[in-house]
Structure formats: structure tokens, C-alpha cells
Amino acid sequence: MGAGELRVFFTALGFFTRIPVPAWVGYSPELLASAPRYLPLVGLLVGLAGGLVTELAALVLHPWVAIVLGMIATVWLTGALHEDGFADTCDGLGGGWTKDQALAIMKDSRIGSYGAIGLVLILLLKYQALQQVDSDVELFDGAFDEGLSALLPALVAAHGVSRLVVLGLMASLDYARSEDSRAAPLAHRPGPVSLAFAALCALAPCVLLPLPQVLFALGGSLMAGLAAWRWFQQRLGGYTGDCLGAAQQVAEVAFYLGLGCSFI
């Protein structure tokens, strides 16, 4: 990775997480416009942090408590960026009848009933889905020593794949806002090379999980992405930064649900 690409990666890391980046990275709209191709790689790091917290906490606490602590770690590490987007999207698309109304509601920093209820429900669903992964999913044979659960690779893979879904939406939808916003500099369609690199990063951890279940997990994330694409296109004619956060959350949960399918 050259110095220029390293700056792009650190820009992505600084924008999408709370992780401090070196001062020499600086800032420019060009760097931020190129940053999304590293979004799945950043997701792998976030998932790895959440997975390690979960596994370490499980050594001394009940696994269900460890799962909550792992979720807290990922929320803290990203500054609740995606959860905030999910809540705003619930408020905007739930309370707005027109595109302009929905965009105005989504821009409001206050959370409404749709956002609060939606956020509680998706976090509860994520928690329950992770419990099922912990109890029903085994690691790919020989992947790790016995005693390590599937939660670590599942979290890493889900955070990477869900952000790949986000990149797919960016590549196939227009940006719905015309005025300046925090996400506007990112609103560029990633090219084929960027998408291929992002897919390689996102899919790599999936080899540690059992093939039949990981195919269902990938299918779940894909269906979540397609549903989000259709909904955003119909309601807004494109996406906003909040929409991307919402898509990431839904695709992540869909990955866990597919992975934990009990009939496989």
C-alpha cells in the first residue's frame, strides 16, 4: 500500500470510527471521496474488536452478557454512526409522506417515536440473533482451537459484508440530497476495482464459517440490501448518509439470522 492509499485508508478509519489517525493524513474532499472503498476493511476491524471483547468477556461472564459487551464495543468504536442513521431513517421514512418531508425529518437531530422503537427492536433482534449464532453455529473444521466460539468470525464477517452492501447501494443509487451534508463528499459511485477490492476484504472471513450457513448469511444480507435499494429508490429517489447507516444495520442483522438458521 503506497503512501497515497495509506492516507485514504486512514481517512476512512477516521471518518467511520473513533480510532485516532496520524496528523500527517490531513483532510481533503478527494481523500474522503475515495475512502468508501475501505469501508468493508474498516468493518472487519470493528467486528474484530467486538468479537475480541465478546470472547474475552465470556471467559469470566455469562456468554449472553459477553455478547452485550461486544455490541457496546462496536457501538462505541463507531460512535453509533450506523445506529444513528438507522434511527433517523426510521423517523424520516416512517413519518414523512413526501421526499422533502422525509429528508427534513432525517436531518433533525432529535429522535422520534419511529426511530426510538426501531432502534430498540433492531438492537434486541441483533442480540437474540447473536445468541443463536453462539449456540447453533460451529467453526469451520480446523479453523481454530476448540473452545473458541463462532461469534468472533461471525462478527468480523457480518461487519465486513454489511458494509459491502452499503457500497453496493452507493454504486447503484444517486445521492438524494442536493445541499451540503456530512455525507456529501462521500457521495461518489465506487468503480469496479474499488468494489472488487471491497468484496475481497468483506468475504475473506467467511471461509472460517460453515459453507451452508454462510451462504444463507450472505443471502440474507443480499436480500436486505435489495429491499433497502427498492425502498430508498421508491421513497427518496436515492440514498442519504442515514440510509446507508440503516442498510448496514439491517444487512448485519440479516447476516446473523441467516447464519443461525436452525433448519440447516
C-alpha atoms as a PDB file:
ATOM      1  CA  MET A   1       0.000   0.000   0.000  1.00  0.00           C
ATOM      2  CA  GLY A   2       1.528   3.299  -1.107  1.00  0.00           C
ATOM      3  CA  ALA A   3       1.541   6.499   0.908  1.00  0.00           C
ATOM      4  CA  GLY A   4      -1.449   7.844  -1.006  1.00  0.00           C
ATOM      5  CA  GLU A   5      -3.572   4.761  -0.399  1.00  0.00           C
ATOM      6  CA  LEU A   6      -2.496   4.725   3.237  1.00  0.00           C
ATOM      7  CA  ARG A   7      -3.864   8.252   3.585  1.00  0.00           C
ATOM      8  CA  VAL A   8      -7.134   7.139   2.014  1.00  0.00           C
ATOM      9  CA  PHE A   9      -7.361   4.189   4.427  1.00  0.00           C
ATOM     10  CA  PHE A  10      -6.666   6.371   7.456  1.00  0.00           C
ATOM     11  CA  THR A  11      -9.248   8.875   6.194  1.00  0.00           C
ATOM     12  CA  ALA A  12     -11.817   6.070   6.097  1.00  0.00           C
ATOM     13  CA  LEU A  13     -10.764   4.883   9.539  1.00  0.00           C
ATOM     14  CA  GLY A  14     -11.052   8.383  10.989  1.00  0.00           C
ATOM     15  CA  PHE A  15     -14.409   9.106   9.378  1.00  0.00           C
ATOM     16  CA  PHE A  16     -16.172   5.821  10.122  1.00  0.00           C
ATOM     17  CA  THR A  17     -14.740   5.154  13.604  1.00  0.00           C
ATOM     18  CA  ARG A  18     -13.441   6.923  16.705  1.00  0.00           C
ATOM     19  CA  ILE A  19      -9.949   5.498  16.179  1.00  0.00           C
ATOM     20  CA  PRO A  20      -7.360   8.318  16.139  1.00  0.00           C
ATOM     21  CA  VAL A  21      -5.393   8.696  12.908  1.00  0.00           C
ATOM     22  CA  PRO A  22      -1.966  10.355  12.390  1.00  0.00           C
ATOM     23  CA  ALA A  23      -1.979  14.113  11.911  1.00  0.00           C
ATOM     24  CA  TRP A  24       0.011  13.810   8.666  1.00  0.00           C
ATOM     25  CA  VAL A  25      -3.017  12.225   6.984  1.00  0.00           C
ATOM     26  CA  GLY A  26      -4.698  15.628   6.763  1.00  0.00           C
ATOM     27  CA  TYR A  27      -8.022  16.172   5.038  1.00  0.00           C
ATOM     28  CA  SER A  28      -9.236  16.789   1.530  1.00  0.00           C
ATOM     29  CA  PRO A  29     -12.529  16.141  -0.291  1.00  0.00           C
ATOM     30  CA  GLU A  30     -10.603  13.890  -2.689  1.00  0.00           C
ATOM     31  CA  LEU A  31      -9.406  11.664   0.145  1.00  0.00           C
ATOM     32  CA  LEU A  32     -12.916  11.427   1.578  1.00  0.00           C
ATOM     33  CA  ALA A  33     -14.386  10.649  -1.838  1.00  0.00           C
ATOM     34  CA  SER A  34     -12.015   7.672  -2.169  1.00  0.00           C
ATOM     35  CA  ALA A  35     -12.498   6.456   1.404  1.00  0.00           C
ATOM     36  CA  PRO A  36     -15.615   4.259   0.917  1.00  0.00           C
ATOM     37  CA  ARG A  37     -13.641   1.515  -0.825  1.00  0.00           C
ATOM     38  CA  TYR A  38     -12.017   0.816   2.549  1.00  0.00           C
ATOM     39  CA  LEU A  39     -15.366   0.710   4.363  1.00  0.00           C
ATOM     40  CA  PRO A  40     -15.544  -3.126   4.479  1.00  0.00           C
ATOM     41  CA  LEU A  41     -11.949  -3.284   5.719  1.00  0.00           C
ATOM     42  CA  VAL A  42     -12.808  -0.804   8.464  1.00  0.00           C
ATOM     43  CA  GLY A  43     -15.815  -3.000   9.208  1.00  0.00           C
ATOM     44  CA  LEU A  44     -13.554  -6.014   9.673  1.00  0.00           C
ATOM     45  CA  LEU A  45     -11.591  -4.083  12.286  1.00  0.00           C
ATOM     46  CA  VAL A  46     -14.777  -3.029  14.079  1.00  0.00           C
ATOM     47  CA  GLY A  47     -16.080  -6.609  14.032  1.00  0.00           C
ATOM     48  CA  LEU A  48     -12.729  -7.908  15.246  1.00  0.00           C
ATOM     49  CA  ALA A  49     -12.793  -5.514  18.196  1.00  0.00           C
ATOM     50  CA  GLY A  50     -16.351  -6.526  19.077  1.00  0.00           C
ATOM     51  CA  GLY A  51     -15.506 -10.204  18.710  1.00  0.00           C
ATOM     52  CA  LEU A  52     -12.421  -9.989  20.912  1.00  0.00           C
ATOM     53  CA  VAL A  53     -14.336  -8.137  23.628  1.00  0.00           C
ATOM     54  CA  THR A  54     -17.044 -10.806  23.448  1.00  0.00           C
ATOM     55  CA  GLU A  55     -14.611 -13.724  23.658  1.00  0.00           C
ATOM     56  CA  LEU A  56     -12.565 -12.200  26.487  1.00  0.00           C
ATOM     57  CA  ALA A  57     -15.651 -11.251  28.477  1.00  0.00           C
ATOM     58  CA  ALA A  58     -17.039 -14.780  28.031  1.00  0.00           C
ATOM     59  CA  LEU A  59     -14.039 -16.134  29.956  1.00  0.00           C
ATOM     60  CA  VAL A  60     -15.368 -14.616  33.181  1.00  0.00           C
ATOM     61  CA  LEU A  61     -19.006 -13.711  32.469  1.00  0.00           C
ATOM     62  CA  HIS A  62     -22.093 -15.413  31.119  1.00  0.00           C
ATOM     63  CA  PRO A  63     -21.975 -15.580  27.288  1.00  0.00           C
ATOM     64  CA  TRP A  64     -25.153 -13.501  26.990  1.00  0.00           C
ATOM     65  CA  VAL A  65     -23.546 -10.692  28.992  1.00  0.00           C
ATOM     66  CA  ALA A  66     -20.409 -11.012  26.870  1.00  0.00           C
ATOM     67  CA  ILE A  67     -22.495 -10.530  23.717  1.00  0.00           C
ATOM     68  CA  VAL A  68     -23.924  -7.277  25.079  1.00  0.00           C
ATOM     69  CA  LEU A  69     -20.426  -6.026  25.937  1.00  0.00           C
ATOM     70  CA  GLY A  70     -19.266  -6.869  22.419  1.00  0.00           C
ATOM     71  CA  MET A  71     -22.185  -4.921  20.979  1.00  0.00           C
ATOM     72  CA  ILE A  72     -21.323  -1.970  23.210  1.00  0.00           C
ATOM     73  CA  ALA A  73     -17.731  -2.100  21.946  1.00  0.00           C
ATOM     74  CA  THR A  74     -18.777  -1.851  18.298  1.00  0.00           C
ATOM     75  CA  VAL A  75     -21.249   0.960  19.026  1.00  0.00           C
ATOM     76  CA  TRP A  76     -18.617   2.922  20.939  1.00  0.00           C
ATOM     77  CA  LEU A  77     -15.948   2.318  18.308  1.00  0.00           C
ATOM     78  CA  THR A  78     -18.128   3.704  15.510  1.00  0.00           C
ATOM     79  CA  GLY A  79     -19.679   6.458  17.603  1.00  0.00           C
ATOM     80  CA  ALA A  80     -23.080   4.862  16.930  1.00  0.00           C
ATOM     81  CA  LEU A  81     -22.762   6.207  13.386  1.00  0.00           C
ATOM     82  CA  HIS A  82     -24.818   3.456  11.748  1.00  0.00           C
ATOM     83  CA  GLU A  83     -27.310   3.104  14.599  1.00  0.00           C
ATOM     84  CA  ASP A  84     -27.963   6.844  14.428  1.00  0.00           C
ATOM     85  CA  GLY A  85     -28.550   6.546  10.689  1.00  0.00           C
ATOM     86  CA  PHE A  86     -30.973   3.687  11.236  1.00  0.00           C
ATOM     87  CA  ALA A  87     -32.981   5.683  13.785  1.00  0.00           C
ATOM     88  CA  ASP A  88     -33.085   8.773  11.550  1.00  0.00           C
ATOM     89  CA  THR A  89     -34.179   6.669   8.578  1.00  0.00           C
ATOM     90  CA  CYS A  90     -36.985   5.103  10.613  1.00  0.00           C
ATOM     91  CA  ASP A  91     -38.151   8.569  11.625  1.00  0.00           C
ATOM     92  CA  GLY A  92     -37.873  10.027   8.130  1.00  0.00           C
ATOM     93  CA  LEU A  93     -39.437   7.230   6.127  1.00  0.00           C
ATOM     94  CA  GLY A  94     -41.942   6.421   8.864  1.00  0.00           C
ATOM     95  CA  GLY A  95     -43.120   9.974   9.496  1.00  0.00           C
ATOM     96  CA  GLY A  96     -42.609  11.705   6.158  1.00  0.00           C
ATOM     97  CA  TRP A  97     -45.226  11.421   3.395  1.00  0.00           C
ATOM     98  CA  THR A  98     -43.132  13.090   0.680  1.00  0.00           C
ATOM     99  CA  LYS A  99     -39.442  13.031  -0.190  1.00  0.00           C
ATOM    100  CA  ASP A 100     -38.906  16.569   1.123  1.00  0.00           C
ATOM    101  CA  GLN A 101     -40.695  15.784   4.383  1.00  0.00           C
ATOM    102  CA  ALA A 102     -38.683  12.604   4.876  1.00  0.00           C
ATOM    103  CA  LEU A 103     -35.366  14.363   4.208  1.00  0.00           C
ATOM    104  CA  ALA A 104     -36.259  17.197   6.580  1.00  0.00           C
ATOM    105  CA  ILE A 105     -37.161  14.765   9.369  1.00  0.00           C
ATOM    106  CA  MET A 106     -33.981  12.748   8.817  1.00  0.00           C
ATOM    107  CA  LYS A 107     -31.894  15.916   9.120  1.00  0.00           C
ATOM    108  CA  ASP A 108     -33.430  16.739  12.524  1.00  0.00           C
ATOM    109  CA  SER A 109     -31.042  15.671  15.291  1.00  0.00           C
ATOM    110  CA  ARG A 110     -33.927  14.786  17.630  1.00  0.00           C
ATOM    111  CA  ILE A 111     -35.143  11.192  17.722  1.00  0.00           C
ATOM    112  CA  GLY A 112     -38.830  10.440  17.266  1.00  0.00           C
ATOM    113  CA  SER A 113     -41.104   7.522  18.062  1.00  0.00           C
ATOM    114  CA  TYR A 114     -40.298   5.591  14.886  1.00  0.00           C
ATOM    115  CA  GLY A 115     -36.571   5.983  15.450  1.00  0.00           C
ATOM    116  CA  ALA A 116     -36.650   5.053  19.137  1.00  0.00           C
ATOM    117  CA  ILE A 117     -38.836   1.993  18.621  1.00  0.00           C
ATOM    118  CA  GLY A 118     -36.897   0.886  15.557  1.00  0.00           C
ATOM    119  CA  LEU A 119     -33.543   1.216  17.308  1.00  0.00           C
ATOM    120  CA  VAL A 120     -34.683  -0.763  20.349  1.00  0.00           C
ATOM    121  CA  LEU A 121     -36.120  -3.528  18.177  1.00  0.00           C
ATOM    122  CA  ILE A 122     -33.116  -3.906  15.872  1.00  0.00           C
ATOM    123  CA  LEU A 123     -30.664  -3.997  18.792  1.00  0.00           C
ATOM    124  CA  LEU A 124     -32.828  -6.594  20.521  1.00  0.00           C
ATOM    125  CA  LEU A 125     -33.015  -8.627  17.313  1.00  0.00           C
ATOM    126  CA  LYS A 126     -29.238  -8.398  16.896  1.00  0.00           C
ATOM    127  CA  TYR A 127     -28.710  -9.593  20.455  1.00  0.00           C
ATOM    128  CA  GLN A 128     -31.051 -12.548  20.027  1.00  0.00           C
ATOM    129  CA  ALA A 129     -29.531 -13.462  16.653  1.00  0.00           C
ATOM    130  CA  LEU A 130     -26.022 -13.443  18.152  1.00  0.00           C
ATOM    131  CA  GLN A 131     -27.236 -15.717  20.931  1.00  0.00           C
ATOM    132  CA  GLN A 132     -28.435 -18.159  18.295  1.00  0.00           C
ATOM    133  CA  VAL A 133     -25.127 -17.969  16.438  1.00  0.00           C
ATOM    134  CA  ASP A 134     -23.313 -18.699  19.675  1.00  0.00           C
ATOM    135  CA  SER A 135     -25.441 -21.765  20.437  1.00  0.00           C
ATOM    136  CA  ASP A 136     -26.042 -23.225  16.950  1.00  0.00           C
ATOM    137  CA  VAL A 137     -23.054 -22.373  14.737  1.00  0.00           C
ATOM    138  CA  GLU A 138     -19.758 -24.224  14.802  1.00  0.00           C
ATOM    139  CA  LEU A 139     -16.496 -23.075  13.275  1.00  0.00           C
ATOM    140  CA  PHE A 140     -15.247 -24.490  10.027  1.00  0.00           C
ATOM    141  CA  ASP A 141     -13.280 -27.666  10.844  1.00  0.00           C
ATOM    142  CA  GLY A 142      -9.730 -26.852  11.816  1.00  0.00           C
ATOM    143  CA  ALA A 143     -10.248 -23.096  11.733  1.00  0.00           C
ATOM    144  CA  PHE A 144      -9.393 -22.523  15.406  1.00  0.00           C
ATOM    145  CA  ASP A 145      -8.601 -24.462  18.503  1.00  0.00           C
ATOM    146  CA  GLU A 146     -11.531 -25.933  20.357  1.00  0.00           C
ATOM    147  CA  GLY A 147     -13.139 -23.649  22.895  1.00  0.00           C
ATOM    148  CA  LEU A 148     -13.429 -20.575  20.671  1.00  0.00           C
ATOM    149  CA  SER A 149     -16.998 -19.867  19.579  1.00  0.00           C
ATOM    150  CA  ALA A 150     -18.172 -18.863  16.126  1.00  0.00           C
ATOM    151  CA  LEU A 151     -19.028 -15.384  17.383  1.00  0.00           C
ATOM    152  CA  LEU A 152     -15.609 -13.899  16.589  1.00  0.00           C
ATOM    153  CA  PRO A 153     -15.516 -14.799  12.872  1.00  0.00           C
ATOM    154  CA  ALA A 154     -19.272 -14.185  12.615  1.00  0.00           C
ATOM    155  CA  LEU A 155     -18.919 -10.633  13.924  1.00  0.00           C
ATOM    156  CA  VAL A 156     -15.936  -9.920  11.698  1.00  0.00           C
ATOM    157  CA  ALA A 157     -17.684 -11.291   8.606  1.00  0.00           C
ATOM    158  CA  ALA A 158     -21.011  -9.584   9.321  1.00  0.00           C
ATOM    159  CA  HIS A 159     -19.444  -6.169   9.808  1.00  0.00           C
ATOM    160  CA  GLY A 160     -17.491  -6.528   6.579  1.00  0.00           C
ATOM    161  CA  VAL A 161     -20.333  -7.924   4.454  1.00  0.00           C
ATOM    162  CA  SER A 162     -22.882  -5.398   5.712  1.00  0.00           C
ATOM    163  CA  ARG A 163     -20.588  -2.560   4.676  1.00  0.00           C
ATOM    164  CA  LEU A 164     -20.118  -4.190   1.279  1.00  0.00           C
ATOM    165  CA  VAL A 165     -23.915  -3.927   0.927  1.00  0.00           C
ATOM    166  CA  VAL A 166     -23.567  -0.208   1.684  1.00  0.00           C
ATOM    167  CA  LEU A 167     -21.009   0.128  -1.104  1.00  0.00           C
ATOM    168  CA  GLY A 168     -23.374  -1.656  -3.477  1.00  0.00           C
ATOM    169  CA  LEU A 169     -26.076   0.915  -2.722  1.00  0.00           C
ATOM    170  CA  MET A 170     -23.636   3.746  -3.325  1.00  0.00           C
ATOM    171  CA  ALA A 171     -22.665   2.218  -6.666  1.00  0.00           C
ATOM    172  CA  SER A 172     -26.244   1.824  -7.888  1.00  0.00           C
ATOM    173  CA  LEU A 173     -28.213   4.745  -6.428  1.00  0.00           C
ATOM    174  CA  ASP A 174     -27.994   8.519  -6.700  1.00  0.00           C
ATOM    175  CA  TYR A 175     -27.394  10.766  -3.723  1.00  0.00           C
ATOM    176  CA  ALA A 176     -30.800  12.095  -2.669  1.00  0.00           C
ATOM    177  CA  ARG A 177     -29.770  15.401  -1.103  1.00  0.00           C
ATOM    178  CA  SER A 178     -28.836  18.433  -3.160  1.00  0.00           C
ATOM    179  CA  GLU A 179     -27.485  20.593  -0.348  1.00  0.00           C
ATOM    180  CA  ASP A 180     -24.236  20.139   1.556  1.00  0.00           C
ATOM    181  CA  SER A 181     -24.187  17.498   4.277  1.00  0.00           C
ATOM    182  CA  ARG A 182     -21.647  15.473   6.204  1.00  0.00           C
ATOM    183  CA  ALA A 183     -22.001  12.565   3.779  1.00  0.00           C
ATOM    184  CA  ALA A 184     -21.984  14.642   0.576  1.00  0.00           C
ATOM    185  CA  PRO A 185     -18.205  14.346  -0.057  1.00  0.00           C
ATOM    186  CA  LEU A 186     -18.608  10.549   0.084  1.00  0.00           C
ATOM    187  CA  ALA A 187     -21.408  10.505  -2.474  1.00  0.00           C
ATOM    188  CA  HIS A 188     -19.433   9.152  -5.405  1.00  0.00           C
ATOM    189  CA  ARG A 189     -20.108   5.886  -7.187  1.00  0.00           C
ATOM    190  CA  PRO A 190     -17.289   3.411  -6.427  1.00  0.00           C
ATOM    191  CA  GLY A 191     -15.757   1.853  -9.538  1.00  0.00           C
ATOM    192  CA  PRO A 192     -15.327  -1.837 -10.390  1.00  0.00           C
ATOM    193  CA  VAL A 193     -11.799  -2.036  -8.950  1.00  0.00           C
ATOM    194  CA  SER A 194     -12.917  -0.489  -5.657  1.00  0.00           C
ATOM    195  CA  LEU A 195     -15.900  -2.836  -5.459  1.00  0.00           C
ATOM    196  CA  ALA A 196     -13.734  -5.876  -6.207  1.00  0.00           C
ATOM    197  CA  PHE A 197     -11.233  -4.907  -3.500  1.00  0.00           C
ATOM    198  CA  ALA A 198     -14.047  -4.262  -1.019  1.00  0.00           C
ATOM    199  CA  ALA A 199     -15.668  -7.618  -1.836  1.00  0.00           C
ATOM    200  CA  LEU A 200     -12.374  -9.445  -1.303  1.00  0.00           C
ATOM    201  CA  CYS A 201     -11.959  -7.841   2.121  1.00  0.00           C
ATOM    202  CA  ALA A 202     -15.565  -8.452   3.146  1.00  0.00           C
ATOM    203  CA  LEU A 203     -15.785 -12.074   2.045  1.00  0.00           C
ATOM    204  CA  ALA A 204     -12.406 -13.291   3.318  1.00  0.00           C
ATOM    205  CA  PRO A 205     -13.554 -14.041   6.920  1.00  0.00           C
ATOM    206  CA  CYS A 206     -16.471 -16.110   5.605  1.00  0.00           C
ATOM    207  CA  VAL A 207     -14.103 -19.026   4.892  1.00  0.00           C
ATOM    208  CA  LEU A 208     -13.906 -19.634   8.658  1.00  0.00           C
ATOM    209  CA  LEU A 209     -17.641 -20.347   8.874  1.00  0.00           C
ATOM    210  CA  PRO A 210     -19.516 -23.473   7.699  1.00  0.00           C
ATOM    211  CA  LEU A 211     -20.358 -23.178   3.996  1.00  0.00           C
ATOM    212  CA  PRO A 212     -24.114 -23.930   4.023  1.00  0.00           C
ATOM    213  CA  GLN A 213     -24.808 -21.465   6.812  1.00  0.00           C
ATOM    214  CA  VAL A 214     -22.552 -18.746   5.446  1.00  0.00           C
ATOM    215  CA  LEU A 215     -24.350 -18.968   2.105  1.00  0.00           C
ATOM    216  CA  PHE A 216     -27.643 -18.341   3.921  1.00  0.00           C
ATOM    217  CA  ALA A 217     -25.988 -15.470   5.784  1.00  0.00           C
ATOM    218  CA  LEU A 218     -24.749 -13.897   2.555  1.00  0.00           C
ATOM    219  CA  GLY A 219     -28.161 -14.426   1.010  1.00  0.00           C
ATOM    220  CA  GLY A 220     -29.792 -12.703   3.969  1.00  0.00           C
ATOM    221  CA  SER A 221     -27.530  -9.669   3.643  1.00  0.00           C
ATOM    222  CA  LEU A 222     -28.104  -9.562  -0.109  1.00  0.00           C
ATOM    223  CA  MET A 223     -31.885  -9.632   0.301  1.00  0.00           C
ATOM    224  CA  ALA A 224     -31.645  -6.895   2.939  1.00  0.00           C
ATOM    225  CA  GLY A 225     -29.611  -4.795   0.516  1.00  0.00           C
ATOM    226  CA  LEU A 226     -32.078  -5.334  -2.328  1.00  0.00           C
ATOM    227  CA  ALA A 227     -35.022  -4.432  -0.087  1.00  0.00           C
ATOM    228  CA  ALA A 228     -33.201  -1.274   1.052  1.00  0.00           C
ATOM    229  CA  TRP A 229     -32.382  -0.390  -2.577  1.00  0.00           C
ATOM    230  CA  ARG A 230     -36.021  -0.678  -3.614  1.00  0.00           C
ATOM    231  CA  TRP A 231     -37.335   1.243  -0.613  1.00  0.00           C
ATOM    232  CA  PHE A 232     -34.836   4.109  -0.876  1.00  0.00           C
ATOM    233  CA  GLN A 233     -35.357   4.391  -4.622  1.00  0.00           C
ATOM    234  CA  GLN A 234     -39.141   4.499  -4.288  1.00  0.00           C
ATOM    235  CA  ARG A 235     -39.287   6.918  -1.346  1.00  0.00           C
ATOM    236  CA  LEU A 236     -36.287   9.179  -1.935  1.00  0.00           C
ATOM    237  CA  GLY A 237     -35.049   8.536  -5.462  1.00  0.00           C
ATOM    238  CA  GLY A 238     -31.677   7.624  -3.978  1.00  0.00           C
ATOM    239  CA  TYR A 239     -29.858   7.435  -0.656  1.00  0.00           C
ATOM    240  CA  THR A 240     -28.591   9.646   2.145  1.00  0.00           C
ATOM    241  CA  GLY A 241     -25.897   9.016   4.721  1.00  0.00           C
ATOM    242  CA  ASP A 242     -28.605   7.972   7.172  1.00  0.00           C
ATOM    243  CA  CYS A 243     -29.946   5.456   4.653  1.00  0.00           C
ATOM    244  CA  LEU A 244     -26.515   3.881   4.349  1.00  0.00           C
ATOM    245  CA  GLY A 245     -26.296   3.513   8.126  1.00  0.00           C
ATOM    246  CA  ALA A 246     -29.730   1.902   8.176  1.00  0.00           C
ATOM    247  CA  ALA A 247     -28.756  -0.503   5.390  1.00  0.00           C
ATOM    248  CA  GLN A 248     -25.620  -1.521   7.268  1.00  0.00           C
ATOM    249  CA  GLN A 249     -27.570  -2.334  10.405  1.00  0.00           C
ATOM    250  CA  VAL A 250     -30.239  -4.346   8.607  1.00  0.00           C
ATOM    251  CA  ALA A 251     -27.696  -6.240   6.487  1.00  0.00           C
ATOM    252  CA  GLU A 252     -25.615  -7.045   9.576  1.00  0.00           C
ATOM    253  CA  VAL A 253     -28.602  -8.477  11.442  1.00  0.00           C
ATOM    254  CA  ALA A 254     -29.716 -10.368   8.333  1.00  0.00           C
ATOM    255  CA  PHE A 255     -26.267 -11.975   8.185  1.00  0.00           C
ATOM    256  CA  TYR A 256     -26.590 -13.260  11.767  1.00  0.00           C
ATOM    257  CA  LEU A 257     -30.128 -14.507  11.138  1.00  0.00           C
ATOM    258  CA  GLY A 258     -29.058 -16.389   8.022  1.00  0.00           C
ATOM    259  CA  LEU A 259     -26.042 -17.829   9.799  1.00  0.00           C
ATOM    260  CA  GLY A 260     -28.161 -19.107  12.662  1.00  0.00           C
ATOM    261  CA  CYS A 261     -30.886 -20.731  10.562  1.00  0.00           C
ATOM    262  CA  SER A 262     -31.854 -23.789  12.632  1.00  0.00           C
ATOM    263  CA  PHE A 263     -33.016 -25.933   9.712  1.00  0.00           C
ATOM    264  CA  ILE A 264     -29.583 -26.129   8.071  1.00  0.00           C
END
